[in-house]
Amino acid sequence: MIELKEYPKVYNYPAEYAREHDELPLYRASSKKNVSCKQALEKVINENYRDNRLDTAAVFKQVSDEFGRDRVVYVLANTVRQKDWDGRISRENKAWAKTIPVFENPDAWGTDRNCYFVVDQAHTGLVDLLVTHVRKELAREKEQPQKKTSVLGKLQKPESPAIETKAKAASKKTMEAEL
């Protein structure tokens, strides 16, 4: 049996909101996890880049297994949003990042606290390749449930016309026997 690992939830509201709603411990724990995820992404990207090739699937799997997909997606979306000015990130990835809810999180001096979990110790082009992989993987997952047929539908639908004809003949014989 496959065990599904429970990952801490991503707290995506700013510190001010957390303070107002007595959720600062959740905010701080999530913030620490975001920074750890960012550091893991940088390390794993650098480890999986060989011969001018990045194994994006391995990077995504390895970091997702440690931190959960939601956090990896959140950290990558934040990174792309913070680097909106960078031409090495594709327009498609910039548009995708804007669909992920990441709130501005200013400190007392106006600096966005989200800058602490921007993947910046790996080449931006490699980060863009990873974001493209993640974006396509998520899109593929959204499409898959639509292609699956339900078990109930399979049970109710006869496999072939020959089986359907045999089933009708058997039910007809049963009805005749009852009369």
Foldseek 3Di string as FASTA:
>chain_A
DDDDDDAQDADQDACVVCVVVVNNVSNVVNLVLLLVLLVLLLVQQVVQCDPNDHPLVVSQVVSCVVHNNVSNLLLLLLQCCVVVVDPLADPVLVVVSVVDDHDFHQDPVGDGPSVSNHNDNHDPNSSNVNSVVSVVVVVVVVVVVVPDDDPVVVVVDDPDVVVVVVVVVVVVVVVVVVD
